[in-house]
Amino acid sequence: MRVRSRDDLARALIDRFRRDEPRPGVHVSDLANPCLRRVYYTKRGMVETRDEDLLMWLAGMGHHSLMEGKLREIELEDDGITGTIDCLERGDAGEMTVVEFKTTRASADKDVVTEYNWWSQQIMGYCHLFGSNIARLYVLHLMGSWSPPTEPALKVYELEFTENEVAGNWGRLLARRDVLLASLRQEKPPVGPNEGCRWACNRCAAKEVCHG
């Protein structure tokens, strides 16, 4: 048997999925991002998609496709903010429930709902758009609990928010929307990561252009 490594074919496949054109409009996921500054640079087309980020995105899309089955994404809009809900699922009482899928290299032992609070902010944004306060979060941990053997693990969380939580979160998203739009008009980047999220700078794709 002869084996030949074909980096050129790997490159061609990765580039087939590359989308370096900024996504139009303002999305819930933009405003829930821990760093609005990165969103600014991305929307101005100043951030090139890295291979590792694209591959993680593709892994997440594969997870979504398998889990969603025949269900499809739902796009809703309010106050100039667009939200793309992964799908809806019927809850235990028969009500339709907002569903979000996440793929992460974080340990399955991590309390992602608390530590990754921007996930909750994003999901609450979708709840506002759908007119609900209940959601389900499916998290695929690619590396399991990081304990050998590092086999994937799936965890599911049911989230129930109060009306005040959903309304207050939407107010924060609106405030971030105004900051982002003003920054884009003035061509002046906003401040960097949210408090406690300075770690977001470590692997940020915008490091080459960010001077914050």
N, C-alpha and C. Protein backbone atom coordinates (compact mmCIF):
# COMPACT_ATOMS: atom_id res chain seq x y z
N MET A 1 0.85 -1.20 0.00
CA MET A 1 0.00 0.00 0.00
C MET A 1 0.88 1.24 0.00
N ARG A 2 0.52 2.20 -0.83
CA ARG A 2 1.25 3.47 -0.85
C ARG A 2 0.35 4.56 -0.29
N VAL A 3 0.86 5.30 0.65
CA VAL A 3 0.09 6.38 1.28
C VAL A 3 0.76 7.71 0.98
N ARG A 4 -0.04 8.66 0.51
CA ARG A 4 0.49 9.98 0.20
C ARG A 4 -0.34 11.03 0.92
N SER A 5 0.32 11.91 1.66
CA SER A 5 -0.39 13.00 2.33
C SER A 5 -0.72 14.08 1.31
N ARG A 6 -2.01 14.49 1.25
CA ARG A 6 -2.44 15.48 0.27
C ARG A 6 -2.95 16.73 0.98
N ASP A 7 -2.02 17.57 1.41
CA ASP A 7 -2.38 18.81 2.07
C ASP A 7 -3.19 19.71 1.13
N ASP A 8 -2.94 19.59 -0.17
CA ASP A 8 -3.65 20.44 -1.12
C ASP A 8 -5.15 20.12 -1.13
N LEU A 9 -5.49 18.83 -0.97
CA LEU A 9 -6.90 18.46 -0.94
C LEU A 9 -7.56 18.89 0.36
N ALA A 10 -6.80 18.82 1.46
CA ALA A 10 -7.32 19.32 2.75
C ALA A 10 -7.61 20.80 2.65
N ARG A 11 -6.68 21.54 2.03
CA ARG A 11 -6.86 22.98 1.86
C ARG A 11 -8.07 23.29 0.98
N ALA A 12 -8.24 22.53 -0.10
CA ALA A 12 -9.37 22.76 -1.01
C ALA A 12 -10.70 22.53 -0.30
N LEU A 13 -10.77 21.50 0.56
CA LEU A 13 -12.02 21.21 1.26
C LEU A 13 -12.33 22.30 2.28
N ILE A 14 -11.31 22.74 3.02
CA ILE A 14 -11.53 23.81 4.00
C ILE A 14 -11.99 25.08 3.30
N ASP A 15 -11.32 25.42 2.21
CA ASP A 15 -11.65 26.67 1.50
C ASP A 15 -13.04 26.63 0.87
N ARG A 16 -13.54 25.41 0.60
CA ARG A 16 -14.88 25.29 0.02
C ARG A 16 -15.94 25.83 0.96
N PHE A 17 -15.68 25.76 2.27
CA PHE A 17 -16.67 26.21 3.26
C PHE A 17 -16.35 27.59 3.83
N ARG A 18 -15.27 28.18 3.37
CA ARG A 18 -14.86 29.48 3.92
C ARG A 18 -15.83 30.57 3.50
N ARG A 19 -16.23 31.40 4.47
CA ARG A 19 -17.12 32.52 4.17
C ARG A 19 -16.54 33.76 4.86
N ASP A 20 -15.74 34.50 4.15
CA ASP A 20 -15.10 35.66 4.76
C ASP A 20 -15.92 36.94 4.61
N GLU A 21 -17.04 36.88 3.85
CA GLU A 21 -17.91 38.04 3.75
C GLU A 21 -18.69 38.20 5.05
N PRO A 22 -18.66 39.39 5.65
CA PRO A 22 -19.39 39.59 6.91
C PRO A 22 -20.88 39.29 6.76
N ARG A 23 -21.45 38.70 7.77
CA ARG A 23 -22.89 38.43 7.76
C ARG A 23 -23.65 39.74 7.91
N PRO A 24 -24.61 40.03 7.04
CA PRO A 24 -25.34 41.30 7.14
C PRO A 24 -26.26 41.35 8.34
N GLY A 25 -26.54 42.57 8.80
CA GLY A 25 -27.47 42.76 9.90
C GLY A 25 -26.84 42.55 11.26
N VAL A 26 -27.64 42.78 12.29
CA VAL A 26 -27.21 42.59 13.67
C VAL A 26 -27.97 41.40 14.24
N HIS A 27 -27.23 40.44 14.78
CA HIS A 27 -27.82 39.19 15.25
C HIS A 27 -27.69 39.06 16.77
N VAL A 28 -28.60 38.28 17.34
CA VAL A 28 -28.55 38.01 18.78
C VAL A 28 -27.17 37.47 19.17
N SER A 29 -26.63 36.56 18.37
CA SER A 29 -25.32 35.98 18.68
C SER A 29 -24.21 37.02 18.64
N ASP A 30 -24.35 38.06 17.80
CA ASP A 30 -23.38 39.15 17.80
C ASP A 30 -23.40 39.88 19.14
N LEU A 31 -24.58 40.19 19.61
CA LEU A 31 -24.73 41.03 20.80
C LEU A 31 -24.47 40.27 22.09
N ALA A 32 -24.60 38.93 22.05
CA ALA A 32 -24.30 38.12 23.23
C ALA A 32 -22.82 37.75 23.29
N ASN A 33 -22.07 38.05 22.23
CA ASN A 33 -20.65 37.73 22.19
C ASN A 33 -19.91 38.42 23.34
N PRO A 34 -19.00 37.72 24.02
CA PRO A 34 -18.28 38.35 25.14
C PRO A 34 -17.48 39.58 24.74
N CYS A 35 -17.13 39.73 23.45
CA CYS A 35 -16.34 40.88 23.01
C CYS A 35 -16.99 41.56 21.82
N LEU A 36 -17.63 42.72 22.07
CA LEU A 36 -18.27 43.48 21.00
C LEU A 36 -17.22 44.06 20.05
N ARG A 37 -16.01 44.22 20.55
CA ARG A 37 -14.93 44.75 19.72
C ARG A 37 -14.60 43.77 18.58
N ARG A 38 -14.57 42.49 18.91
CA ARG A 38 -14.32 41.48 17.86
C ARG A 38 -15.44 41.50 16.83
N VAL A 39 -16.68 41.63 17.29
CA VAL A 39 -17.82 41.68 16.38
C VAL A 39 -17.66 42.87 15.42
N TYR A 40 -17.21 44.00 15.96
CA TYR A 40 -16.99 45.21 15.15
C TYR A 40 -15.99 44.93 14.03
N TYR A 41 -14.85 44.36 14.37
CA TYR A 41 -13.83 44.08 13.36
C TYR A 41 -14.32 43.05 12.35
N THR A 42 -15.10 42.07 12.82
CA THR A 42 -15.63 41.06 11.91
C THR A 42 -16.59 41.68 10.90
N LYS A 43 -17.49 42.55 11.38
CA LYS A 43 -18.48 43.16 10.51
C LYS A 43 -17.84 44.13 9.52
N ARG A 44 -16.68 44.65 9.85
CA ARG A 44 -15.97 45.52 8.92
C ARG A 44 -15.09 44.73 7.95
N GLY A 45 -15.16 43.41 8.03
CA GLY A 45 -14.40 42.57 7.11
C GLY A 45 -12.92 42.57 7.36
N MET A 46 -12.52 42.83 8.63
CA MET A 46 -11.11 42.95 8.96
C MET A 46 -10.55 41.69 9.62
N VAL A 47 -11.38 40.67 9.78
CA VAL A 47 -10.96 39.44 10.45
C VAL A 47 -11.06 38.28 9.47
N GLU A 48 -9.96 37.60 9.24
CA GLU A 48 -9.96 36.45 8.36
C GLU A 48 -10.28 35.19 9.16
N THR A 49 -11.16 34.37 8.62
CA THR A 49 -11.54 33.14 9.31
C THR A 49 -10.36 32.18 9.35
N ARG A 50 -9.98 31.75 10.55
CA ARG A 50 -8.86 30.82 10.69
C ARG A 50 -9.34 29.39 10.46
N ASP A 51 -8.42 28.55 10.02
CA ASP A 51 -8.78 27.15 9.74
C ASP A 51 -9.37 26.48 10.96
N GLU A 52 -8.76 26.68 12.14
CA GLU A 52 -9.25 25.99 13.34
C GLU A 52 -10.66 26.44 13.73
N ASP A 53 -10.96 27.73 13.51
CA ASP A 53 -12.31 28.21 13.81
C ASP A 53 -13.32 27.65 12.83
N LEU A 54 -12.91 27.56 11.56
CA LEU A 54 -13.81 27.03 10.54
C LEU A 54 -14.09 25.55 10.80
N LEU A 55 -13.07 24.80 11.18
CA LEU A 55 -13.27 23.37 11.45
C LEU A 55 -14.17 23.15 12.66
N MET A 56 -14.03 23.99 13.69
CA MET A 56 -14.93 23.88 14.85
C MET A 56 -16.36 24.21 14.44
N TRP A 57 -16.50 25.21 13.55
CA TRP A 57 -17.83 25.57 13.07
C TRP A 57 -18.45 24.41 12.29
N LEU A 58 -17.63 23.76 11.46
CA LEU A 58 -18.12 22.63 10.69
C LEU A 58 -18.53 21.46 11.60
N ALA A 59 -17.73 21.24 12.66
CA ALA A 59 -18.08 20.19 13.62
C ALA A 59 -19.42 20.50 14.28
N GLY A 60 -19.62 21.78 14.61
CA GLY A 60 -20.88 22.20 15.20
C GLY A 60 -22.05 22.04 14.25
N MET A 61 -21.82 22.37 12.97
CA MET A 61 -22.88 22.23 11.98
C MET A 61 -23.27 20.76 11.80
N GLY A 62 -22.26 19.87 11.85
CA GLY A 62 -22.56 18.44 11.77
C GLY A 62 -23.40 17.99 12.94
N HIS A 63 -23.05 18.49 14.14
CA HIS A 63 -23.83 18.19 15.35
C HIS A 63 -25.27 18.67 15.18
N HIS A 64 -25.43 19.90 14.70
CA HIS A 64 -26.76 20.46 14.51
C HIS A 64 -27.58 19.61 13.55
N SER A 65 -26.97 19.25 12.41
CA SER A 65 -27.69 18.52 11.38
C SER A 65 -28.18 17.17 11.89
N LEU A 66 -27.34 16.48 12.66
CA LEU A 66 -27.72 15.17 13.17
C LEU A 66 -28.81 15.28 14.22
N MET A 67 -28.68 16.27 15.11
CA MET A 67 -29.63 16.39 16.22
C MET A 67 -30.97 16.98 15.77
N GLU A 68 -30.92 17.91 14.81
CA GLU A 68 -32.14 18.58 14.39
C GLU A 68 -33.05 17.66 13.57
N GLY A 69 -32.44 16.70 12.87
CA GLY A 69 -33.24 15.81 12.03
C GLY A 69 -33.96 16.60 10.95
N LYS A 70 -35.28 16.45 10.91
CA LYS A 70 -36.07 17.11 9.88
C LYS A 70 -36.45 18.54 10.26
N LEU A 71 -36.15 18.94 11.49
CA LEU A 71 -36.48 20.29 11.91
C LEU A 71 -35.51 21.28 11.31
N ARG A 72 -35.92 22.51 11.13
CA ARG A 72 -35.10 23.52 10.47
C ARG A 72 -34.96 24.76 11.34
N GLU A 73 -33.92 25.53 11.06
CA GLU A 73 -33.71 26.78 11.78
C GLU A 73 -34.88 27.74 11.54
N ILE A 74 -35.12 28.58 12.54
CA ILE A 74 -36.20 29.56 12.47
C ILE A 74 -35.60 30.94 12.67
N GLU A 75 -35.81 31.84 11.72
CA GLU A 75 -35.26 33.19 11.81
C GLU A 75 -36.37 34.17 12.17
N LEU A 76 -36.14 34.92 13.26
CA LEU A 76 -37.10 35.92 13.73
C LEU A 76 -36.39 37.25 13.90
N GLU A 77 -37.17 38.34 13.93
CA GLU A 77 -36.56 39.67 14.04
C GLU A 77 -37.42 40.60 14.89
N ASP A 78 -36.76 41.42 15.69
CA ASP A 78 -37.45 42.44 16.49
C ASP A 78 -36.45 43.54 16.81
N ASP A 79 -36.89 44.79 16.76
CA ASP A 79 -36.04 45.94 17.09
C ASP A 79 -34.75 45.96 16.27
N GLY A 80 -34.81 45.48 15.04
CA GLY A 80 -33.63 45.49 14.20
C GLY A 80 -32.60 44.43 14.56
N ILE A 81 -32.98 43.47 15.40
CA ILE A 81 -32.09 42.38 15.81
C ILE A 81 -32.66 41.06 15.28
N THR A 82 -31.83 40.31 14.58
CA THR A 82 -32.24 39.02 14.02
C THR A 82 -31.76 37.88 14.91
N GLY A 83 -32.60 36.92 15.10
CA GLY A 83 -32.22 35.73 15.86
C GLY A 83 -32.51 34.48 15.04
N THR A 84 -31.54 33.58 14.98
CA THR A 84 -31.73 32.33 14.26
C THR A 84 -31.76 31.18 15.27
N ILE A 85 -32.97 30.71 15.56
CA ILE A 85 -33.16 29.63 16.52
C ILE A 85 -32.83 28.31 15.83
N ASP A 86 -32.02 27.47 16.47
CA ASP A 86 -31.61 26.21 15.84
C ASP A 86 -32.81 25.37 15.45
N CYS A 87 -33.76 25.22 16.35
CA CYS A 87 -35.00 24.53 16.02
C CYS A 87 -35.94 24.63 17.21
N LEU A 88 -37.15 24.14 17.06
CA LEU A 88 -38.13 24.07 18.14
C LEU A 88 -38.39 22.62 18.46
N GLU A 89 -38.69 22.36 19.72
CA GLU A 89 -38.93 20.99 20.17
C GLU A 89 -40.14 21.02 21.10
N ARG A 90 -40.96 20.01 21.04
CA ARG A 90 -42.14 19.98 21.90
C ARG A 90 -41.74 19.59 23.32
N GLY A 91 -42.11 20.43 24.29
CA GLY A 91 -41.77 20.18 25.67
C GLY A 91 -42.64 19.11 26.31
N ASP A 92 -42.37 18.83 27.58
CA ASP A 92 -43.10 17.78 28.29
C ASP A 92 -44.60 18.06 28.38
N ALA A 93 -44.95 19.35 28.43
CA ALA A 93 -46.36 19.71 28.54
C ALA A 93 -46.98 19.98 27.16
N GLY A 94 -46.25 19.70 26.10
CA GLY A 94 -46.78 19.86 24.75
C GLY A 94 -46.49 21.21 24.12
N GLU A 95 -45.87 22.11 24.90
CA GLU A 95 -45.57 23.44 24.37
C GLU A 95 -44.31 23.40 23.50
N MET A 96 -44.26 24.30 22.51
CA MET A 96 -43.08 24.38 21.67
C MET A 96 -41.97 25.12 22.43
N THR A 97 -40.76 24.55 22.38
CA THR A 97 -39.64 25.03 23.17
C THR A 97 -38.46 25.42 22.28
N VAL A 98 -37.84 26.55 22.59
CA VAL A 98 -36.64 26.99 21.89
C VAL A 98 -35.50 26.02 22.16
N VAL A 99 -34.78 25.62 21.10
CA VAL A 99 -33.67 24.69 21.25
C VAL A 99 -32.39 25.32 20.68
N GLU A 100 -31.32 25.20 21.44
CA GLU A 100 -30.01 25.68 21.00
C GLU A 100 -29.01 24.53 21.13
N PHE A 101 -28.19 24.34 20.09
CA PHE A 101 -27.14 23.34 20.10
C PHE A 101 -25.78 24.03 20.20
N LYS A 102 -24.91 23.50 21.04
CA LYS A 102 -23.55 24.02 21.17
C LYS A 102 -22.55 22.87 21.08
N THR A 103 -21.42 23.14 20.47
CA THR A 103 -20.32 22.18 20.41
C THR A 103 -19.10 22.84 21.03
N THR A 104 -18.43 22.16 21.96
CA THR A 104 -17.34 22.79 22.69
C THR A 104 -16.25 21.79 23.02
N ARG A 105 -15.04 22.32 23.21
CA ARG A 105 -13.93 21.49 23.70
C ARG A 105 -13.83 21.55 25.22
N ALA A 106 -14.71 22.32 25.85
CA ALA A 106 -14.72 22.42 27.31
C ALA A 106 -15.07 21.08 27.95
N SER A 107 -14.60 20.87 29.15
CA SER A 107 -14.87 19.63 29.87
C SER A 107 -16.35 19.48 30.16
N ALA A 108 -16.83 18.24 30.08
CA ALA A 108 -18.22 17.96 30.41
C ALA A 108 -18.49 18.16 31.90
N ASP A 109 -17.43 18.27 32.70
CA ASP A 109 -17.59 18.53 34.13
C ASP A 109 -17.79 20.02 34.42
N LYS A 110 -17.61 20.85 33.41
CA LYS A 110 -17.74 22.30 33.60
C LYS A 110 -19.22 22.69 33.64
N ASP A 111 -19.56 23.63 34.52
CA ASP A 111 -20.91 24.15 34.59
C ASP A 111 -21.06 25.23 33.51
N VAL A 112 -21.31 24.78 32.27
CA VAL A 112 -21.29 25.71 31.15
C VAL A 112 -22.41 26.75 31.22
N VAL A 113 -23.54 26.40 31.81
CA VAL A 113 -24.66 27.34 31.87
C VAL A 113 -24.28 28.56 32.71
N THR A 114 -23.56 28.32 33.81
CA THR A 114 -23.14 29.42 34.68
C THR A 114 -21.90 30.11 34.15
N GLU A 115 -20.89 29.32 33.77
CA GLU A 115 -19.62 29.91 33.35
C GLU A 115 -19.69 30.56 31.98
N TYR A 116 -20.48 30.00 31.09
CA TYR A 116 -20.64 30.57 29.76
C TYR A 116 -21.95 31.36 29.73
N ASN A 117 -22.00 32.42 30.52
CA ASN A 117 -23.26 33.14 30.68
C ASN A 117 -23.75 33.79 29.38
N TRP A 118 -22.84 34.00 28.41
CA TRP A 118 -23.28 34.56 27.13
C TRP A 118 -24.14 33.58 26.36
N TRP A 119 -23.99 32.27 26.65
CA TRP A 119 -24.90 31.30 26.03
C TRP A 119 -26.32 31.55 26.52
N SER A 120 -26.46 31.77 27.81
CA SER A 120 -27.79 32.04 28.38
C SER A 120 -28.36 33.34 27.82
N GLN A 121 -27.49 34.36 27.65
CA GLN A 121 -27.94 35.63 27.09
C GLN A 121 -28.44 35.45 25.66
N GLN A 122 -27.74 34.64 24.90
CA GLN A 122 -28.15 34.35 23.53
C GLN A 122 -29.50 33.62 23.52
N ILE A 123 -29.63 32.62 24.38
CA ILE A 123 -30.86 31.83 24.41
C ILE A 123 -32.03 32.68 24.90
N MET A 124 -31.80 33.54 25.89
CA MET A 124 -32.87 34.43 26.35
C MET A 124 -33.30 35.38 25.23
N GLY A 125 -32.34 35.79 24.39
CA GLY A 125 -32.69 36.61 23.24
C GLY A 125 -33.64 35.88 22.30
N TYR A 126 -33.38 34.59 22.09
CA TYR A 126 -34.27 33.79 21.25
C TYR A 126 -35.64 33.62 21.91
N CYS A 127 -35.63 33.45 23.23
CA CYS A 127 -36.90 33.33 23.95
C CYS A 127 -37.74 34.59 23.78
N HIS A 128 -37.11 35.75 23.86
CA HIS A 128 -37.83 37.00 23.63
C HIS A 128 -38.46 37.00 22.25
N LEU A 129 -37.68 36.64 21.23
CA LEU A 129 -38.18 36.68 19.87
C LEU A 129 -39.33 35.69 19.66
N PHE A 130 -39.25 34.54 20.32
CA PHE A 130 -40.27 33.51 20.14
C PHE A 130 -41.47 33.71 21.07
N GLY A 131 -41.29 34.55 22.10
CA GLY A 131 -42.37 34.78 23.05
C GLY A 131 -42.51 33.66 24.05
N SER A 132 -41.37 33.18 24.55
CA SER A 132 -41.37 32.06 25.48
C SER A 132 -40.35 32.32 26.59
N ASN A 133 -40.39 31.53 27.63
CA ASN A 133 -39.37 31.66 28.68
C ASN A 133 -38.72 30.31 28.99
N ILE A 134 -38.96 29.32 28.13
CA ILE A 134 -38.41 27.98 28.34
C ILE A 134 -37.55 27.59 27.13
N ALA A 135 -36.42 26.99 27.40
CA ALA A 135 -35.54 26.57 26.31
C ALA A 135 -34.78 25.31 26.71
N ARG A 136 -34.24 24.64 25.72
CA ARG A 136 -33.38 23.49 25.96
C ARG A 136 -32.04 23.73 25.29
N LEU A 137 -30.99 23.38 26.00
CA LEU A 137 -29.63 23.55 25.52
C LEU A 137 -28.96 22.18 25.42
N TYR A 138 -28.58 21.79 24.22
CA TYR A 138 -27.86 20.54 23.98
C TYR A 138 -26.38 20.89 23.78
N VAL A 139 -25.52 20.32 24.59
CA VAL A 139 -24.09 20.62 24.51
C VAL A 139 -23.31 19.36 24.20
N LEU A 140 -22.62 19.36 23.06
CA LEU A 140 -21.74 18.26 22.70
C LEU A 140 -20.32 18.60 23.14
N HIS A 141 -19.81 17.88 24.12
CA HIS A 141 -18.44 18.07 24.62
C HIS A 141 -17.52 17.14 23.83
N LEU A 142 -16.79 17.70 22.89
CA LEU A 142 -15.97 16.88 22.00
C LEU A 142 -14.91 16.10 22.75
N MET A 143 -14.39 16.67 23.85
CA MET A 143 -13.31 16.02 24.60
C MET A 143 -13.82 15.37 25.88
N GLY A 144 -15.12 15.18 26.00
CA GLY A 144 -15.68 14.57 27.20
C GLY A 144 -15.30 15.36 28.45
N SER A 145 -14.91 14.65 29.50
CA SER A 145 -14.52 15.30 30.75
C SER A 145 -13.01 15.49 30.84
N TRP A 146 -12.33 15.33 29.70
CA TRP A 146 -10.87 15.50 29.61
C TRP A 146 -10.12 14.38 30.31
N SER A 147 -10.82 13.39 30.81
CA SER A 147 -10.17 12.26 31.49
C SER A 147 -10.05 11.11 30.50
N PRO A 148 -8.84 10.57 30.30
CA PRO A 148 -8.66 9.48 29.34
C PRO A 148 -9.59 8.31 29.64
N PRO A 149 -10.21 7.72 28.62
CA PRO A 149 -10.17 8.15 27.22
C PRO A 149 -11.08 9.35 27.00
N THR A 150 -10.62 10.32 26.24
CA THR A 150 -11.38 11.55 26.03
C THR A 150 -12.45 11.32 24.96
N GLU A 151 -13.53 10.68 25.38
CA GLU A 151 -14.61 10.36 24.46
C GLU A 151 -15.69 11.43 24.54
N PRO A 152 -16.34 11.74 23.42
CA PRO A 152 -17.38 12.78 23.42
C PRO A 152 -18.50 12.48 24.40
N ALA A 153 -19.11 13.54 24.90
CA ALA A 153 -20.24 13.40 25.83
C ALA A 153 -21.29 14.44 25.47
N LEU A 154 -22.54 14.06 25.61
CA LEU A 154 -23.66 14.97 25.32
C LEU A 154 -24.40 15.27 26.61
N LYS A 155 -24.60 16.56 26.89
CA LYS A 155 -25.37 16.96 28.07
C LYS A 155 -26.50 17.86 27.61
N VAL A 156 -27.63 17.73 28.28
CA VAL A 156 -28.81 18.51 27.91
C VAL A 156 -29.32 19.25 29.15
N TYR A 157 -29.65 20.53 28.95
CA TYR A 157 -30.14 21.36 30.06
C TYR A 157 -31.49 21.96 29.66
N GLU A 158 -32.43 21.93 30.60
CA GLU A 158 -33.69 22.64 30.40
C GLU A 158 -33.60 23.94 31.17
N LEU A 159 -33.83 25.04 30.50
CA LEU A 159 -33.70 26.36 31.09
C LEU A 159 -35.07 27.03 31.17
N GLU A 160 -35.39 27.56 32.33
CA GLU A 160 -36.63 28.32 32.49
C GLU A 160 -36.29 29.68 33.08
N PHE A 161 -36.58 30.72 32.33
CA PHE A 161 -36.27 32.08 32.75
C PHE A 161 -37.53 32.78 33.24
N THR A 162 -37.35 33.76 34.11
CA THR A 162 -38.49 34.59 34.50
C THR A 162 -38.73 35.63 33.41
N GLU A 163 -39.93 36.20 33.41
CA GLU A 163 -40.24 37.24 32.42
C GLU A 163 -39.30 38.43 32.60
N ASN A 164 -38.96 38.75 33.84
CA ASN A 164 -38.05 39.87 34.09
C ASN A 164 -36.65 39.58 33.55
N GLU A 165 -36.21 38.34 33.66
CA GLU A 165 -34.89 37.97 33.13
C GLU A 165 -34.85 38.13 31.61
N VAL A 166 -35.89 37.66 30.95
CA VAL A 166 -35.94 37.75 29.49
C VAL A 166 -36.01 39.22 29.06
N ALA A 167 -36.87 40.00 29.72
CA ALA A 167 -37.01 41.42 29.36
C ALA A 167 -35.73 42.19 29.66
N GLY A 168 -35.13 41.95 30.82
CA GLY A 168 -33.90 42.64 31.18
C GLY A 168 -32.76 42.30 30.23
N ASN A 169 -32.69 41.04 29.82
CA ASN A 169 -31.65 40.62 28.88
C ASN A 169 -31.84 41.31 27.53
N TRP A 170 -33.10 41.41 27.08
CA TRP A 170 -33.35 42.07 25.80
C TRP A 170 -32.95 43.55 25.87
N GLY A 171 -33.17 44.17 27.00
CA GLY A 171 -32.75 45.55 27.18
C GLY A 171 -31.23 45.69 27.05
N ARG A 172 -30.50 44.72 27.60
CA ARG A 172 -29.03 44.76 27.48
C ARG A 172 -28.59 44.55 26.04
N LEU A 173 -29.29 43.65 25.33
CA LEU A 173 -28.96 43.43 23.92
C LEU A 173 -29.23 44.69 23.09
N LEU A 174 -30.31 45.39 23.41
CA LEU A 174 -30.62 46.63 22.70
C LEU A 174 -29.52 47.68 22.94
N ALA A 175 -29.05 47.76 24.18
CA ALA A 175 -27.99 48.71 24.49
C ALA A 175 -26.71 48.37 23.73
N ARG A 176 -26.39 47.09 23.64
CA ARG A 176 -25.20 46.66 22.89
C ARG A 176 -25.39 46.88 21.39
N ARG A 177 -26.62 46.70 20.92
CA ARG A 177 -26.92 47.00 19.51
C ARG A 177 -26.58 48.45 19.20
N ASP A 178 -27.02 49.37 20.08
CA ASP A 178 -26.78 50.79 19.86
C ASP A 178 -25.28 51.11 19.86
N VAL A 179 -24.55 50.48 20.78
CA VAL A 179 -23.09 50.69 20.84
C VAL A 179 -22.43 50.20 19.57
N LEU A 180 -22.82 49.01 19.11
CA LEU A 180 -22.21 48.43 17.91
C LEU A 180 -22.50 49.28 16.68
N LEU A 181 -23.76 49.68 16.50
CA LEU A 181 -24.11 50.46 15.33
C LEU A 181 -23.43 51.82 15.34
N ALA A 182 -23.33 52.44 16.52
CA ALA A 182 -22.64 53.73 16.62
C ALA A 182 -21.16 53.57 16.28
N SER A 183 -20.55 52.49 16.75
CA SER A 183 -19.14 52.23 16.47
C SER A 183 -18.90 52.03 14.97
N LEU A 184 -19.81 51.29 14.32
CA LEU A 184 -19.67 51.07 12.89
C LEU A 184 -19.84 52.37 12.10
N ARG A 185 -20.77 53.22 12.53
CA ARG A 185 -20.95 54.50 11.84
C ARG A 185 -19.72 55.39 11.99
N GLN A 186 -19.17 55.41 13.18
CA GLN A 186 -18.03 56.28 13.48
C GLN A 186 -16.69 55.66 13.11
N GLU A 187 -16.73 54.37 12.70
CA GLU A 187 -15.51 53.63 12.40
C GLU A 187 -14.52 53.68 13.56
N LYS A 188 -15.10 53.52 14.74
CA LYS A 188 -14.31 53.54 15.98
C LYS A 188 -14.69 52.31 16.79
N PRO A 189 -13.76 51.38 17.02
CA PRO A 189 -14.10 50.14 17.72
C PRO A 189 -14.56 50.39 19.15
N PRO A 190 -15.53 49.62 19.63
CA PRO A 190 -15.97 49.74 21.03
C PRO A 190 -14.94 49.13 21.97
N VAL A 191 -15.24 49.17 23.25
CA VAL A 191 -14.33 48.60 24.24
C VAL A 191 -14.26 47.09 24.07
N GLY A 192 -13.26 46.49 24.68
CA GLY A 192 -12.99 45.07 24.51
C GLY A 192 -13.91 44.15 25.28
N PRO A 193 -13.41 42.99 25.72
CA PRO A 193 -14.27 41.95 26.30
C PRO A 193 -15.05 42.42 27.52
N ASN A 194 -16.19 41.77 27.75
CA ASN A 194 -16.96 42.01 28.97
C ASN A 194 -16.09 41.73 30.19
N GLU A 195 -16.50 42.28 31.31
CA GLU A 195 -15.77 42.06 32.56
C GLU A 195 -15.68 40.56 32.85
N GLY A 196 -14.49 40.11 33.18
CA GLY A 196 -14.29 38.70 33.47
C GLY A 196 -14.05 37.84 32.25
N CYS A 197 -14.04 38.44 31.06
CA CYS A 197 -13.86 37.66 29.82
C CYS A 197 -12.58 38.05 29.09
N ARG A 198 -11.58 38.56 29.81
CA ARG A 198 -10.34 38.94 29.17
C ARG A 198 -9.67 37.75 28.49
N TRP A 199 -9.96 36.54 28.96
CA TRP A 199 -9.41 35.34 28.34
C TRP A 199 -9.78 35.24 26.87
N ALA A 200 -10.86 35.94 26.47
CA ALA A 200 -11.30 35.87 25.07
C ALA A 200 -10.25 36.42 24.12
N CYS A 201 -9.32 37.21 24.65
CA CYS A 201 -8.26 37.78 23.81
C CYS A 201 -7.23 36.72 23.41
N ASN A 202 -7.10 35.66 24.20
CA ASN A 202 -6.00 34.72 24.01
C ASN A 202 -5.98 34.10 22.63
N ARG A 203 -7.14 33.64 22.15
CA ARG A 203 -7.21 32.97 20.85
C ARG A 203 -8.04 33.76 19.84
N CYS A 204 -8.16 35.05 20.05
CA CYS A 204 -9.04 35.85 19.22
C CYS A 204 -8.46 36.02 17.81
N ALA A 205 -9.32 35.81 16.81
CA ALA A 205 -8.89 35.96 15.41
C ALA A 205 -8.66 37.41 15.03
N ALA A 206 -9.10 38.35 15.88
CA ALA A 206 -8.93 39.76 15.57
C ALA A 206 -7.66 40.36 16.19
N LYS A 207 -6.83 39.53 16.78
CA LYS A 207 -5.64 40.05 17.49
C LYS A 207 -4.74 40.88 16.59
N GLU A 208 -4.67 40.53 15.32
CA GLU A 208 -3.77 41.24 14.39
C GLU A 208 -4.21 42.68 14.16
N VAL A 209 -5.50 42.95 14.27
CA VAL A 209 -6.00 44.31 13.97
C VAL A 209 -6.44 45.06 15.22
N CYS A 210 -6.62 44.34 16.32
CA CYS A 210 -7.12 44.96 17.55
C CYS A 210 -5.98 45.59 18.32
N HIS A 211 -6.16 46.84 18.70
CA HIS A 211 -5.14 47.54 19.48
C HIS A 211 -5.68 47.88 20.86
N GLY A 212 -6.71 47.13 21.30
CA GLY A 212 -7.33 47.40 22.59
C GLY A 212 -6.78 46.54 23.68
